[in-house]
Amino acid sequence: MSQIPGKLPVTFSDLKLPPALQDVIAEIGYTTLTPVQAQSIPVLLGGRDLIGQSRTGSGKTAAFSIPILRNISVKSRVVQALVLCPTRELCAQVAREMRRLGRRYPGLQVLVGSGGQFIAPQIGALEKGAHIVVGTPGRVLDLIKRKKLILAKTTTLVLDEADRMLDMGFQEDMEEILAALPRQCQTVFFSATFPDSIDEMSRKYQRNPVRVTIETPVDEIPAIVEIFHETAREDKIAALAQVLRHHDPESAIVFTNMKAVAQEVAGVLEKSGISAASLHGDLEQFDRDRVMARFRNRSVRVLVATDVAARGIDVEALDLVVNFDCPAKPDVYVHRIGRTGRAGKSGVAISIITPREQYKLDLISEYTKRPAKASSLPGNKADSATSAQKANLNSSAKMETISISAGRKDKLRPGDILGALTGEAGGLKGDDVGKIEIHDRISYVAVRKEVAQHALKSLERGKIKGRTFRVTLV
């Protein structure tokens, strides 16, 4: 990784862009560069590889579009730049911005090559010639394999929202596309978070990239709010239900110290109307995969887990961590609560303490150098376990999970599933589809609860990649 060279520009006029581009920027009203633009555009204009981290709305589309347009030769009707995005809607949005910035370039062709649409018009457009292709990984790889998308003259590749593409299961497609590019192609990775898989791809496919990280201002950095509630041992499950009802998290992990407790707690929560599942060491790998797929894709809101079972879990935007059983070791406590409040998001960590566990608060406070003091439960006094089970907590998940009886070894790709759901037969919007996971012989796709039955029936009636598979709601 390299640092950003030289003095940073402040305004777009500092960039010495061609008149055709500078005039449009002035017409649009862009004047001062955003931080990600100031740090990225000079690097990209210099031909360097870049790996950038910034939040949505930071101006990164213009940050990579302006250098691409500066280097485009309109006279040469070959694909000179390729931008990969996770969804058809984002592809359309990026292409729209690139066309707007490039409107003074006569004959500029920006093609959207995304799944969920007929491929024939995209092939026809490529045969006529396009300068920039903005597409989803599955459809782009399909076009490459059909020898319709030729990358021999491509000089820039951008992975936009790289972490979301990985989250949707597109890593294999992305790596195949990266491997198909010319050796000297400039590669640009933009992502809100940087899981290990992105760092590995960077090391494998980028050449001494410049790292750009747009830090959140100190006054905007969300701290993890730590709360400790004391309750009698026999009231712990009722107290947990009350905490979940009060905070109403979109996604939460509840930690227990024993697997039998994890099963019991998840069962009581489910009976009380909370979308919950347990994860523990006695689960077979198939069942563990199903539980984790549902939790990652927001089909289950609360995961009740032991520390051993939760190893390796890294869920984006985890709202709440609850220590149903407070750990004996303070470093375990710190590791547990560190799963919330990531990637610029706020987080809450709640620990349920019995009177006999007060000593654990002292250990935690000494270890973290922060005060740890028990407070009363939110709202009224803890309900009894029986009434908590009957309470309507209105905590159903927003997504449903569909399992498909085919996977990686059946040559099934995320783009195939996305295309089947958002194409003519499925009719879903890109936003209706959530995380897609491809395993060896089974795949999971999340869809919004409101369209789940429609999605299931369309997959039952239709075909994926020309074949019929067994599909069920998990």
Protein backbone atom coordinates (compact mmCIF):
# COMPACT_ATOMS: atom_id res chain seq x y z
CA MET A 1 0.00 0.00 0.00
CA SER A 2 1.18 3.50 -0.82
CA GLN A 3 0.31 6.87 0.61
CA ILE A 4 -1.33 9.68 -1.36
CA PRO A 5 1.43 11.62 -3.15
CA GLY A 6 1.72 15.42 -3.29
CA LYS A 7 -0.53 18.28 -2.28
CA LEU A 8 -4.27 17.69 -2.46
CA PRO A 9 -6.42 19.79 -4.82
CA VAL A 10 -9.27 21.82 -3.36
CA THR A 11 -11.44 22.73 -6.36
CA PHE A 12 -12.18 21.00 -9.65
CA SER A 13 -10.32 23.75 -11.50
CA ASP A 14 -7.15 22.59 -9.71
CA LEU A 15 -7.35 19.28 -11.58
CA LYS A 16 -6.45 20.67 -15.05
CA LEU A 17 -9.15 18.65 -16.79
CA PRO A 18 -10.01 18.88 -20.53
CA PRO A 19 -12.41 21.77 -21.37
CA ALA A 20 -15.22 19.37 -22.36
CA LEU A 21 -15.15 17.87 -18.87
CA GLN A 22 -14.41 21.06 -16.95
CA ASP A 23 -17.32 22.88 -18.60
CA VAL A 24 -19.82 20.16 -17.67
CA ILE A 25 -18.56 20.09 -14.08
CA ALA A 26 -19.10 23.86 -13.87
CA GLU A 27 -22.60 23.55 -15.41
CA ILE A 28 -23.58 20.86 -12.91
CA GLY A 29 -22.41 23.13 -10.11
CA TYR A 30 -19.54 21.08 -8.75
CA THR A 31 -16.93 23.41 -7.23
CA THR A 32 -15.15 22.11 -4.12
CA LEU A 33 -13.93 18.53 -4.09
CA THR A 34 -15.24 16.17 -1.43
CA PRO A 35 -12.53 14.45 0.65
CA VAL A 36 -12.76 11.20 -1.32
CA GLN A 37 -12.55 13.12 -4.61
CA ALA A 38 -9.58 15.23 -3.45
CA GLN A 39 -7.66 12.13 -2.39
CA SER A 40 -8.69 9.78 -5.21
CA ILE A 41 -8.90 11.77 -8.45
CA PRO A 42 -5.20 12.84 -8.62
CA VAL A 43 -4.13 9.24 -7.93
CA LEU A 44 -6.42 7.86 -10.63
CA LEU A 45 -5.43 10.57 -13.14
CA GLY A 46 -1.85 9.43 -12.53
CA GLY A 47 -2.74 5.87 -13.52
CA ARG A 48 -2.22 4.33 -10.09
CA ASP A 49 -4.28 1.49 -8.60
CA LEU A 50 -6.42 2.54 -5.66
CA ILE A 51 -8.33 0.94 -2.80
CA GLY A 52 -10.72 3.41 -1.20
CA GLN A 53 -13.01 3.36 1.80
CA SER A 54 -15.80 5.90 2.13
CA ARG A 55 -19.44 6.11 3.07
CA THR A 56 -22.39 6.26 0.66
CA GLY A 57 -23.01 9.80 -0.55
CA SER A 58 -19.34 10.81 -0.32
CA GLY A 59 -18.98 11.57 -4.04
CA LYS A 60 -17.08 8.44 -5.06
CA THR A 61 -19.00 7.95 -8.34
CA ALA A 62 -17.62 11.23 -9.65
CA ALA A 63 -14.24 10.34 -8.09
CA PHE A 64 -13.79 7.39 -10.47
CA SER A 65 -15.93 8.65 -13.37
CA ILE A 66 -13.96 11.85 -13.99
CA PRO A 67 -10.56 10.08 -14.45
CA ILE A 68 -12.20 7.47 -16.70
CA LEU A 69 -13.76 10.17 -18.89
CA ARG A 70 -10.50 12.15 -19.00
CA ASN A 71 -8.75 9.10 -20.49
CA ILE A 72 -11.48 7.92 -22.89
CA SER A 73 -10.79 8.00 -26.62
CA VAL A 74 -14.24 8.42 -28.19
CA LYS A 75 -12.82 7.66 -31.64
CA SER A 76 -11.99 4.13 -30.55
CA ARG A 77 -15.28 2.22 -30.08
CA VAL A 78 -13.89 -0.48 -27.80
CA VAL A 79 -14.51 -1.08 -24.10
CA GLN A 80 -11.94 1.05 -22.32
CA ALA A 81 -13.44 1.02 -18.82
CA LEU A 82 -15.47 -1.53 -16.87
CA VAL A 83 -17.39 -0.72 -13.68
CA LEU A 84 -18.84 -3.56 -11.58
CA CYS A 85 -21.78 -2.85 -9.25
CA PRO A 86 -23.85 -5.19 -7.04
CA THR A 87 -27.32 -4.37 -8.43
CA ARG A 88 -29.03 -3.34 -11.63
CA GLU A 89 -30.30 -0.16 -9.95
CA LEU A 90 -26.81 0.94 -8.93
CA CYS A 91 -25.54 0.16 -12.44
CA ALA A 92 -28.20 2.44 -13.89
CA GLN A 93 -27.36 5.17 -11.38
CA VAL A 94 -23.61 5.05 -12.12
CA ALA A 95 -24.19 4.96 -15.88
CA ARG A 96 -26.54 7.94 -15.60
CA GLU A 97 -23.89 9.97 -13.75
CA MET A 98 -21.18 9.01 -16.26
CA ARG A 99 -23.38 10.02 -19.18
CA ARG A 100 -24.16 13.30 -17.45
CA LEU A 101 -20.49 14.08 -16.86
CA GLY A 102 -19.60 12.96 -20.39
CA ARG A 103 -22.37 14.77 -22.26
CA ARG A 104 -19.84 16.96 -24.13
CA TYR A 105 -18.15 13.85 -25.54
CA PRO A 106 -19.87 13.32 -28.95
CA GLY A 107 -20.77 9.67 -29.50
CA LEU A 108 -19.86 8.47 -26.00
CA GLN A 109 -21.46 5.07 -25.39
CA VAL A 110 -22.02 3.95 -21.79
CA LEU A 111 -23.65 0.50 -21.71
CA VAL A 112 -25.44 -1.07 -18.76
CA GLY A 113 -24.77 -4.82 -18.75
CA SER A 114 -26.77 -6.16 -15.83
CA GLY A 115 -28.78 -9.26 -15.03
CA GLY A 116 -32.56 -9.30 -14.88
CA GLN A 117 -32.80 -7.94 -18.42
CA PHE A 118 -32.66 -9.59 -21.84
CA ILE A 119 -29.08 -10.19 -22.88
CA ALA A 120 -29.66 -9.83 -26.63
CA PRO A 121 -29.90 -5.99 -26.67
CA GLN A 122 -26.72 -5.80 -24.58
CA ILE A 123 -24.91 -8.08 -27.02
CA GLY A 124 -26.17 -5.95 -29.90
CA ALA A 125 -24.91 -2.77 -28.26
CA LEU A 126 -21.50 -4.33 -27.68
CA GLU A 127 -21.30 -5.42 -31.30
CA LYS A 128 -21.93 -1.81 -32.38
CA GLY A 129 -19.25 -0.62 -29.96
CA ALA A 130 -19.24 0.79 -26.43
CA HIS A 131 -16.64 2.82 -24.55
CA ILE A 132 -17.70 2.09 -20.96
CA VAL A 133 -19.59 -0.91 -19.56
CA VAL A 134 -21.30 -0.69 -16.15
CA GLY A 135 -22.57 -4.09 -15.09
CA THR A 136 -23.27 -6.70 -12.45
CA PRO A 137 -20.61 -9.42 -12.06
CA GLY A 138 -22.78 -12.33 -13.23
CA ARG A 139 -23.95 -10.69 -16.46
CA VAL A 140 -20.52 -9.23 -17.23
CA LEU A 141 -18.91 -12.66 -16.86
CA ASP A 142 -21.61 -14.16 -19.08
CA LEU A 143 -20.84 -11.59 -21.77
CA ILE A 144 -17.11 -12.30 -21.46
CA LYS A 145 -17.63 -16.05 -21.81
CA ARG A 146 -19.81 -15.51 -24.88
CA LYS A 147 -16.87 -13.50 -26.32
CA LYS A 148 -19.16 -10.49 -26.72
CA LEU A 149 -17.44 -8.32 -24.10
CA ILE A 150 -13.81 -7.97 -25.19
CA LEU A 151 -11.48 -6.56 -22.55
CA ALA A 152 -8.22 -6.50 -24.56
CA LYS A 153 -8.22 -2.67 -24.66
CA THR A 154 -9.71 -2.08 -21.21
CA THR A 155 -7.50 0.25 -19.20
CA THR A 156 -9.58 0.74 -16.02
CA LEU A 157 -11.68 -1.55 -13.83
CA VAL A 158 -13.73 -0.22 -10.92
CA LEU A 159 -15.33 -2.39 -8.22
CA ASP A 160 -18.03 -0.14 -6.76
CA GLU A 161 -19.44 -1.27 -3.40
CA ALA A 162 -17.03 -4.20 -3.45
CA ASP A 163 -18.06 -5.39 0.02
CA ARG A 164 -21.71 -5.64 -1.00
CA MET A 165 -20.80 -7.67 -4.09
CA LEU A 166 -18.87 -10.05 -1.85
CA ASP A 167 -21.82 -10.12 0.55
CA MET A 168 -24.09 -11.15 -2.32
CA GLY A 169 -21.77 -14.03 -3.21
CA PHE A 170 -20.05 -12.60 -6.28
CA GLN A 171 -16.43 -13.22 -5.23
CA GLU A 172 -15.76 -16.01 -7.76
CA ASP A 173 -17.28 -13.97 -10.60
CA MET A 174 -15.27 -10.89 -9.60
CA GLU A 175 -12.03 -12.87 -9.50
CA GLU A 176 -12.69 -14.42 -12.93
CA ILE A 177 -13.29 -10.95 -14.37
CA LEU A 178 -10.14 -9.57 -12.73
CA ALA A 179 -8.12 -12.47 -14.16
CA ALA A 180 -9.49 -11.76 -17.66
CA LEU A 181 -8.21 -8.15 -17.72
CA PRO A 182 -4.95 -7.01 -19.36
CA ARG A 183 -1.99 -7.12 -16.94
CA GLN A 184 -1.50 -3.35 -17.00
CA CYS A 185 -5.18 -2.52 -16.36
CA GLN A 186 -5.70 0.06 -13.62
CA THR A 187 -7.86 -1.41 -10.84
CA VAL A 188 -9.96 0.65 -8.43
CA PHE A 189 -11.71 -0.86 -5.40
CA PHE A 190 -14.28 1.22 -3.50
CA SER A 191 -15.91 -0.23 -0.41
CA ALA A 192 -17.60 0.90 2.80
CA THR A 193 -15.89 -1.87 4.78
CA PHE A 194 -12.80 -3.98 4.19
CA PRO A 195 -13.29 -7.67 5.02
CA ASP A 196 -10.25 -9.93 4.63
CA SER A 197 -11.48 -11.13 1.23
CA ILE A 198 -11.13 -7.62 -0.24
CA ASP A 199 -7.60 -7.26 1.12
CA GLU A 200 -6.74 -10.65 -0.38
CA MET A 201 -8.11 -9.62 -3.78
CA SER A 202 -6.16 -6.37 -3.57
CA ARG A 203 -2.91 -8.22 -2.87
CA LYS A 204 -3.57 -10.62 -5.72
CA TYR A 205 -4.75 -8.26 -8.45
CA GLN A 206 -3.53 -4.74 -7.64
CA ARG A 207 -0.09 -3.24 -8.14
CA ASN A 208 1.12 -1.21 -5.14
CA PRO A 209 -2.28 0.48 -4.70
CA VAL A 210 -2.74 3.80 -2.95
CA ARG A 211 -4.98 3.42 0.10
CA VAL A 212 -7.60 6.13 0.60
CA THR A 213 -9.57 6.04 3.84
CA ILE A 214 -12.07 8.79 4.55
CA GLU A 215 -12.29 8.88 8.31
CA THR A 216 -15.59 9.73 9.94
CA PRO A 217 -15.23 13.05 11.84
CA VAL A 218 -14.62 12.50 15.55
CA ASP A 219 -17.97 14.03 16.49
CA GLU A 220 -19.72 11.57 14.18
CA ILE A 221 -17.94 8.40 15.31
CA PRO A 222 -20.54 6.22 17.00
CA ALA A 223 -19.49 4.85 20.37
CA ILE A 224 -20.81 1.54 21.63
CA VAL A 225 -23.33 2.30 24.34
CA GLU A 226 -22.75 -0.17 27.19
CA ILE A 227 -25.70 -0.88 29.49
CA PHE A 228 -25.89 -3.27 32.46
CA HIS A 229 -29.26 -4.43 33.82
CA GLU A 230 -29.64 -6.33 37.08
CA THR A 231 -32.39 -8.89 37.48
CA ALA A 232 -33.14 -12.04 39.45
CA ARG A 233 -31.85 -15.26 37.91
CA GLU A 234 -35.36 -16.66 37.39
CA ASP A 235 -36.40 -13.49 35.52
CA LYS A 236 -33.50 -13.43 33.02
CA ILE A 237 -35.47 -14.62 29.97
CA ALA A 238 -38.28 -12.18 30.72
CA ALA A 239 -35.69 -9.43 31.12
CA LEU A 240 -34.14 -10.36 27.77
CA ALA A 241 -37.55 -10.23 26.06
CA GLN A 242 -38.15 -6.82 27.63
CA VAL A 243 -34.76 -5.54 26.41
CA LEU A 244 -35.43 -6.77 22.87
CA ARG A 245 -38.93 -5.31 22.88
CA HIS A 246 -37.57 -1.94 24.04
CA HIS A 247 -34.62 -1.67 21.63
CA ASP A 248 -36.35 -3.49 18.72
CA PRO A 249 -33.08 -4.30 16.89
CA GLU A 250 -32.98 -5.17 13.21
CA SER A 251 -30.18 -7.62 13.96
CA ALA A 252 -28.85 -8.81 17.33
CA ILE A 253 -26.65 -11.50 18.85
CA VAL A 254 -27.48 -12.83 22.32
CA PHE A 255 -24.56 -14.62 23.99
CA THR A 256 -24.95 -17.47 26.44
CA ASN A 257 -22.22 -19.44 28.22
CA MET A 258 -23.74 -22.88 27.53
CA LYS A 259 -25.25 -24.46 24.41
CA ALA A 260 -28.27 -25.87 26.27
CA VAL A 261 -29.10 -22.35 27.44
CA ALA A 262 -28.77 -21.04 23.88
CA GLN A 263 -31.37 -23.58 22.69
CA GLU A 264 -33.71 -22.84 25.58
CA VAL A 265 -33.51 -19.05 25.19
CA ALA A 266 -34.04 -19.15 21.41
CA GLY A 267 -37.07 -21.41 21.90
CA VAL A 268 -38.68 -19.08 24.44
CA LEU A 269 -38.02 -16.01 22.27
CA GLU A 270 -39.61 -17.70 19.24
CA LYS A 271 -42.70 -18.58 21.28
CA SER A 272 -42.89 -14.95 22.41
CA GLY A 273 -43.06 -13.74 18.80
CA ILE A 274 -39.42 -12.73 18.32
CA SER A 275 -37.67 -13.94 15.20
CA ALA A 276 -34.84 -15.98 16.77
CA ALA A 277 -32.59 -18.99 16.16
CA SER A 278 -29.82 -20.68 18.13
CA LEU A 279 -26.25 -21.48 17.10
CA HIS A 280 -24.26 -23.96 19.15
CA GLY A 281 -21.71 -26.73 18.87
CA ASP A 282 -24.23 -29.59 18.56
CA LEU A 283 -25.57 -28.36 15.21
CA GLU A 284 -24.64 -30.27 12.06
CA GLN A 285 -22.83 -28.17 9.44
CA PHE A 286 -25.89 -28.14 7.17
CA ASP A 287 -28.08 -26.73 9.96
CA ARG A 288 -25.40 -24.26 11.01
CA ASP A 289 -25.15 -23.00 7.42
CA ARG A 290 -28.93 -22.56 7.25
CA VAL A 291 -29.06 -20.64 10.53
CA MET A 292 -26.16 -18.38 9.54
CA ALA A 293 -27.58 -17.76 6.05
CA ARG A 294 -30.89 -16.66 7.59
CA PHE A 295 -29.18 -14.42 10.15
CA ARG A 296 -26.81 -12.79 7.65
CA ASN A 297 -29.62 -12.09 5.22
CA ARG A 298 -31.95 -10.64 7.88
CA SER A 299 -34.48 -13.50 7.83
CA VAL A 300 -33.73 -14.02 11.53
CA ARG A 301 -33.39 -10.97 13.74
CA VAL A 302 -31.92 -12.51 16.89
CA LEU A 303 -29.16 -15.13 16.97
CA VAL A 304 -28.63 -16.83 20.33
CA ALA A 305 -25.11 -18.26 20.37
CA THR A 306 -22.26 -19.55 22.48
CA ASP A 307 -18.78 -18.08 22.07
CA VAL A 308 -17.40 -21.19 20.38
CA ALA A 309 -20.25 -21.37 17.87
CA ALA A 310 -20.02 -17.63 17.13
CA ARG A 311 -16.34 -17.70 16.14
CA GLY A 312 -15.79 -16.24 12.71
CA ILE A 313 -19.20 -14.54 12.59
CA ASP A 314 -18.81 -11.07 11.09
CA VAL A 315 -22.23 -9.55 10.44
CA GLU A 316 -22.46 -6.07 8.97
CA ALA A 317 -24.60 -3.47 10.78
CA LEU A 318 -25.23 -5.47 13.94
CA ASP A 319 -27.45 -3.20 16.06
CA LEU A 320 -27.30 -4.92 19.40
CA VAL A 321 -25.23 -7.41 21.41
CA VAL A 322 -26.76 -8.86 24.57
CA ASN A 323 -24.84 -10.82 27.18
CA PHE A 324 -27.62 -13.06 28.50
CA ASP A 325 -24.85 -14.70 30.52
CA CYS A 326 -22.11 -12.27 31.42
CA PRO A 327 -18.71 -13.89 30.71
CA ALA A 328 -16.28 -14.56 33.55
CA LYS A 329 -13.35 -13.05 31.64
CA PRO A 330 -13.45 -9.33 30.77
CA ASP A 331 -11.52 -9.82 27.50
CA VAL A 332 -14.32 -12.14 26.31
CA TYR A 333 -16.81 -9.38 27.16
CA VAL A 334 -14.84 -6.86 25.07
CA HIS A 335 -14.64 -9.28 22.14
CA ARG A 336 -18.39 -9.93 22.27
CA ILE A 337 -19.48 -6.30 22.34
CA GLY A 338 -16.96 -5.37 19.63
CA ARG A 339 -19.25 -7.05 17.10
CA THR A 340 -21.57 -4.04 17.14
CA GLY A 341 -20.87 -0.40 16.24
CA ARG A 342 -18.82 -1.19 13.12
CA ALA A 343 -18.38 0.57 9.76
CA GLY A 344 -19.57 3.94 11.00
CA LYS A 345 -22.76 2.52 12.52
CA SER A 346 -23.90 3.00 16.11
CA GLY A 347 -24.16 0.03 18.41
CA VAL A 348 -25.56 -0.98 21.79
CA ALA A 349 -24.22 -3.66 24.13
CA ILE A 350 -26.43 -4.83 27.02
CA SER A 351 -25.46 -7.24 29.79
CA ILE A 352 -28.00 -8.91 32.06
CA ILE A 353 -26.51 -9.31 35.53
CA THR A 354 -27.77 -11.27 38.52
CA PRO A 355 -27.09 -9.99 42.06
CA ARG A 356 -24.42 -12.66 42.55
CA GLU A 357 -22.52 -11.46 39.44
CA GLN A 358 -21.75 -7.94 40.64
CA TYR A 359 -18.06 -8.86 40.88
CA LYS A 360 -18.00 -9.24 37.06
CA LEU A 361 -18.85 -5.57 36.68
CA ASP A 362 -15.77 -4.66 38.72
CA LEU A 363 -13.58 -6.88 36.54
CA ILE A 364 -15.01 -5.34 33.36
CA SER A 365 -14.61 -1.80 34.65
CA GLU A 366 -11.00 -2.45 35.70
CA TYR A 367 -10.19 -4.02 32.32
CA THR A 368 -11.88 -1.41 30.09
CA LYS A 369 -11.12 1.64 32.26
CA ARG A 370 -14.79 2.58 31.90
CA PRO A 371 -17.49 2.66 34.59
CA ALA A 372 -19.74 -0.41 34.70
CA LYS A 373 -22.81 0.13 36.84
CA ALA A 374 -26.09 -1.78 36.80
CA SER A 375 -29.32 0.11 36.08
CA SER A 376 -32.99 -0.82 36.05
CA LEU A 377 -34.61 -2.46 33.05
CA PRO A 378 -36.24 -0.22 30.42
CA GLY A 379 -39.95 0.46 30.80
CA ASN A 380 -41.89 -1.32 33.50
CA LYS A 381 -40.62 -4.02 35.81
CA ALA A 382 -39.65 -7.27 34.13
CA ASP A 383 -42.66 -9.35 33.16
CA SER A 384 -42.85 -12.92 34.28
CA ALA A 385 -41.48 -15.48 31.83
CA THR A 386 -45.03 -16.65 31.03
CA SER A 387 -46.35 -13.20 30.15
CA ALA A 388 -43.20 -12.42 28.18
CA GLN A 389 -43.89 -15.46 26.03
CA LYS A 390 -47.40 -14.19 25.31
CA ALA A 391 -46.36 -10.61 24.54
CA ASN A 392 -46.76 -9.42 21.00
CA LEU A 393 -43.27 -8.05 20.43
CA ASN A 394 -43.80 -7.25 16.73
CA SER A 395 -40.27 -8.40 16.00
CA SER A 396 -40.69 -10.45 12.84
CA ALA A 397 -37.88 -10.25 10.30
CA LYS A 398 -38.25 -8.18 7.13
CA MET A 399 -36.75 -10.86 4.89
CA GLU A 400 -37.50 -14.49 4.09
CA THR A 401 -34.96 -17.06 2.91
CA ILE A 402 -35.49 -19.31 -0.09
CA SER A 403 -33.30 -22.38 -0.49
CA ILE A 404 -32.47 -23.72 -3.96
CA SER A 405 -31.33 -27.32 -4.43
CA ALA A 406 -28.22 -26.42 -6.44
CA GLY A 407 -24.96 -24.70 -5.76
CA ARG A 408 -21.40 -24.07 -6.80
CA LYS A 409 -20.81 -27.62 -8.04
CA ASP A 410 -23.90 -27.30 -10.23
CA LYS A 411 -22.32 -24.23 -11.88
CA LEU A 412 -24.94 -21.99 -10.26
CA ARG A 413 -23.89 -18.38 -9.74
CA PRO A 414 -25.46 -15.48 -7.83
CA GLY A 415 -26.17 -13.70 -11.11
CA ASP A 416 -28.27 -16.66 -12.27
CA ILE A 417 -30.49 -16.42 -9.19
CA LEU A 418 -30.66 -12.62 -9.32
CA GLY A 419 -31.57 -12.76 -13.01
CA ALA A 420 -34.32 -15.33 -12.43
CA LEU A 421 -35.87 -13.20 -9.70
CA THR A 422 -35.56 -9.78 -11.34
CA GLY A 423 -36.08 -10.79 -14.97
CA GLU A 424 -39.31 -10.95 -16.93
CA ALA A 425 -40.45 -14.17 -15.21
CA GLY A 426 -39.69 -13.08 -11.64
CA GLY A 427 -40.52 -9.40 -11.93
CA LEU A 428 -38.87 -8.41 -8.65
CA LYS A 429 -36.92 -5.20 -8.16
CA GLY A 430 -33.25 -5.37 -7.23
CA ASP A 431 -34.09 -3.98 -3.79
CA ASP A 432 -36.49 -6.90 -3.20
CA VAL A 433 -33.52 -9.28 -3.24
CA GLY A 434 -31.02 -9.42 -0.41
CA LYS A 435 -27.98 -11.52 0.29
CA ILE A 436 -27.28 -14.52 -1.95
CA GLU A 437 -25.12 -17.38 -0.66
CA ILE A 438 -23.88 -20.20 -2.89
CA HIS A 439 -22.72 -23.39 -1.17
CA ASP A 440 -21.53 -26.59 -2.85
CA ARG A 441 -24.94 -28.18 -3.45
CA ILE A 442 -27.40 -25.63 -2.06
CA SER A 443 -27.98 -21.89 -2.34
CA TYR A 444 -29.83 -19.36 -0.20
CA VAL A 445 -31.37 -16.10 -1.32
CA ALA A 446 -33.11 -13.51 0.85
CA VAL A 447 -36.19 -11.73 -0.46
CA ARG A 448 -38.45 -9.17 1.19
CA LYS A 449 -41.19 -10.84 3.22
CA GLU A 450 -43.92 -9.08 1.20
CA VAL A 451 -42.75 -10.69 -2.06
CA ALA A 452 -41.53 -14.03 -0.69
CA GLN A 453 -44.50 -16.11 -1.89
CA HIS A 454 -44.39 -14.48 -5.33
CA ALA A 455 -40.65 -15.13 -5.54
CA LEU A 456 -41.09 -18.75 -4.48
CA LYS A 457 -43.83 -19.40 -7.04
CA SER A 458 -41.90 -17.71 -9.85
CA LEU A 459 -38.85 -19.89 -9.10
CA GLU A 460 -41.07 -23.01 -8.88
CA ARG A 461 -42.74 -22.23 -12.23
CA GLY A 462 -39.68 -20.91 -14.04
CA LYS A 463 -36.13 -22.01 -14.62
CA ILE A 464 -32.73 -20.91 -13.41
CA LYS A 465 -30.04 -21.11 -16.05
CA GLY A 466 -32.40 -23.25 -18.16
CA ARG A 467 -32.90 -25.82 -15.42
CA THR A 468 -35.55 -26.58 -12.80
CA PHE A 469 -34.51 -26.95 -9.17
CA ARG A 470 -36.37 -27.66 -5.94
CA VAL A 471 -37.03 -24.43 -4.07
CA THR A 472 -38.42 -24.03 -0.56
CA LEU A 473 -38.89 -21.34 2.07
CA VAL A 474 -36.47 -22.01 4.91
